[in-house]
Amino acid sequence: MVIGAVMLIVVHTLFALPILNIWWFATLIMIVLGFAFSLVPSAMWPSVPKIIPERQLGTAYALIFWVQNWGLMGVPLLIGWVLNSFCKGPVVNGAQTYNYTLPMAIFAVFGVLALIVALMLKAEDRKKGYGLEEANIKK
C-alpha cells in the first residue's frame, strides 16, 4: 500500500507539472498510474479479514464499498467544481479550455492521504500483530 500511494503521489505530481508534451512520457506515467491503482487495493482487500472479526466482516466490506461509492460520487463533483471555479482558461475556437494543474494537485493530496493511512496501518500492525505483511496462505 505504501508503494502504491507513493506512486500515486509521484504520478499526479508529474501530471501537474507542464512536462507532458512528449507522448511517450505521458504513456509511461499512465502505465505507472495503472500499477499504482492496482497495488493499493490489492494490498488492502486481503488485509480486511486479518483486522476485522469474522462476525463483522460482511459489515466491514459493506462500509468499504459505501465509502468508496461516496468517493466515486464526491471526487468528480469536487474536481468539476474546482475546474469551473478556478481553472477556466481562454475560449479557443468556441471551446472552453481548462488548466488541470490544480485538479492534479488535489489528486496528489489524495495520494498523500493514502500514504498517511498506509503508514498508520503499518503502525497499528506493529502494535497489534495483525500480520498484514504476511502471506494469507501458509504451507
Protein backbone atom coordinates (compact mmCIF):
# COMPACT_ATOMS: atom_id res chain seq x y z
CA MET A 1 0.00 0.00 0.00
CA VAL A 2 2.83 2.38 0.80
CA ILE A 3 4.50 1.76 -2.56
CA GLY A 4 1.21 2.30 -4.42
CA ALA A 5 0.49 5.52 -2.51
CA VAL A 6 3.97 6.89 -3.24
CA MET A 7 3.50 6.01 -6.91
CA LEU A 8 0.16 7.88 -6.91
CA ILE A 9 1.80 10.96 -5.41
CA VAL A 10 4.65 10.93 -7.93
CA VAL A 11 2.38 10.34 -10.94
CA HIS A 12 -0.13 13.04 -10.06
CA THR A 13 2.65 15.50 -9.25
CA LEU A 14 4.18 14.79 -12.65
CA PHE A 15 0.77 15.30 -14.26
CA ALA A 16 0.53 18.68 -12.51
CA LEU A 17 3.87 19.79 -13.96
CA PRO A 18 3.93 21.14 -17.52
CA ILE A 19 6.36 18.49 -18.82
CA LEU A 20 3.93 16.14 -20.53
CA ASN A 21 4.45 17.46 -24.05
CA ILE A 22 6.17 14.21 -25.03
CA TRP A 23 3.77 11.35 -25.86
CA TRP A 24 5.97 8.51 -24.59
CA PHE A 25 6.44 10.24 -21.22
CA ALA A 26 2.69 10.64 -20.75
CA THR A 27 2.18 7.00 -21.77
CA LEU A 28 4.81 5.81 -19.30
CA ILE A 29 3.24 7.80 -16.48
CA MET A 30 -0.21 6.37 -17.32
CA ILE A 31 1.22 2.84 -17.11
CA VAL A 32 2.75 3.62 -13.71
CA LEU A 33 -0.62 5.05 -12.63
CA GLY A 34 -2.27 1.76 -13.61
CA PHE A 35 0.21 -0.17 -11.47
CA ALA A 36 -0.38 2.21 -8.55
CA PHE A 37 -4.16 1.82 -8.82
CA SER A 38 -3.64 -1.95 -8.75
CA LEU A 39 -1.25 -2.03 -5.81
CA VAL A 40 -3.32 -0.09 -3.28
CA PRO A 41 -6.50 -2.24 -3.34
CA SER A 42 -4.59 -5.49 -3.86
CA ALA A 43 -2.76 -4.77 -0.61
CA MET A 44 -5.80 -3.59 1.31
CA TRP A 45 -8.60 -6.03 0.44
CA PRO A 46 -6.88 -9.23 1.68
CA SER A 47 -5.95 -7.43 4.91
CA VAL A 48 -9.53 -6.73 5.98
CA PRO A 49 -10.19 -10.26 7.37
CA LYS A 50 -6.97 -10.02 9.40
CA ILE A 51 -8.17 -6.87 11.15
CA ILE A 52 -11.95 -7.27 11.43
CA PRO A 53 -13.57 -10.10 13.44
CA GLU A 54 -15.27 -12.71 11.24
CA ARG A 55 -18.75 -11.96 12.59
CA GLN A 56 -18.37 -8.30 11.40
CA LEU A 57 -16.64 -8.98 8.10
CA GLY A 58 -19.71 -8.51 5.88
CA THR A 59 -20.44 -5.16 7.52
CA ALA A 60 -16.82 -4.10 7.10
CA TYR A 61 -16.85 -4.86 3.37
CA ALA A 62 -20.21 -3.08 3.01
CA LEU A 63 -18.79 0.00 4.74
CA ILE A 64 -15.74 -0.09 2.46
CA PHE A 65 -17.99 -0.15 -0.61
CA TRP A 66 -20.17 2.60 0.87
CA VAL A 67 -17.20 4.92 1.48
CA GLN A 68 -15.75 4.07 -1.92
CA ASN A 69 -19.03 4.91 -3.66
CA TRP A 70 -19.27 8.24 -1.83
CA GLY A 71 -15.76 8.95 -3.09
CA LEU A 72 -16.74 7.95 -6.62
CA MET A 73 -19.58 10.46 -6.38
CA GLY A 74 -17.84 13.24 -4.47
CA VAL A 75 -14.44 13.44 -6.13
CA PRO A 76 -15.79 14.11 -9.66
CA LEU A 77 -18.11 16.74 -8.17
CA LEU A 78 -15.17 18.34 -6.37
CA ILE A 79 -12.94 18.31 -9.44
CA GLY A 80 -15.76 19.69 -11.63
CA TRP A 81 -16.40 22.49 -9.16
CA VAL A 82 -12.66 23.32 -8.96
CA LEU A 83 -12.38 23.34 -12.76
CA ASN A 84 -15.39 25.62 -13.20
CA SER A 85 -14.43 27.93 -10.35
CA PHE A 86 -10.66 28.26 -10.59
CA CYS A 87 -9.25 26.66 -13.74
CA LYS A 88 -11.00 28.20 -16.73
CA GLY A 89 -8.71 29.32 -19.49
CA PRO A 90 -9.45 31.21 -22.68
CA VAL A 91 -12.08 30.11 -25.18
CA VAL A 92 -10.33 28.71 -28.24
CA ASN A 93 -12.30 28.05 -31.43
CA GLY A 94 -15.53 28.25 -29.44
CA ALA A 95 -14.41 25.68 -26.84
CA GLN A 96 -13.60 26.43 -23.22
CA THR A 97 -10.06 25.48 -22.18
CA TYR A 98 -9.00 24.48 -18.67
CA ASN A 99 -5.80 24.40 -16.65
CA TYR A 100 -5.65 20.99 -14.95
CA THR A 101 -2.76 21.77 -12.60
CA LEU A 102 -4.96 22.32 -9.53
CA PRO A 103 -7.08 19.16 -10.03
CA MET A 104 -3.90 17.08 -10.42
CA ALA A 105 -2.54 18.66 -7.24
CA ILE A 106 -5.78 17.65 -5.49
CA PHE A 107 -5.26 14.06 -6.66
CA ALA A 108 -1.66 14.21 -5.37
CA VAL A 109 -3.04 15.31 -1.98
CA PHE A 110 -5.35 12.28 -2.04
CA GLY A 111 -2.20 10.21 -2.60
CA VAL A 112 -0.60 11.83 0.44
CA LEU A 113 -3.69 10.95 2.48
CA ALA A 114 -3.44 7.36 1.22
CA LEU A 115 0.21 7.27 2.27
CA ILE A 116 -0.71 8.53 5.75
CA VAL A 117 -3.40 5.85 6.09
CA ALA A 118 -0.96 3.18 4.90
CA LEU A 119 1.65 4.26 7.44
CA MET A 120 -0.96 4.35 10.20
CA LEU A 121 -1.99 0.82 9.21
CA LYS A 122 1.63 -0.34 9.37
CA ALA A 123 2.00 1.21 12.83
CA GLU A 124 -1.20 -0.49 14.03
CA ASP A 125 0.03 -3.79 12.60
CA ARG A 126 3.30 -3.40 14.51
CA LYS A 127 1.39 -2.73 17.75
CA LYS A 128 -1.26 -5.41 17.50
CA GLY A 129 0.47 -8.01 15.31
CA TYR A 130 -2.25 -8.50 12.69
CA GLY A 131 0.26 -9.99 10.26
CA LEU A 132 -0.74 -7.68 7.41
CA GLU A 133 2.52 -8.20 5.55
CA GLU A 134 2.48 -11.97 5.91
CA ALA A 135 1.08 -14.34 3.31
CA ASN A 136 -2.58 -15.34 3.72
CA ILE A 137 -1.92 -18.94 2.72
CA LYS A 138 0.74 -20.79 4.66
CA LYS A 139 2.17 -24.11 3.53
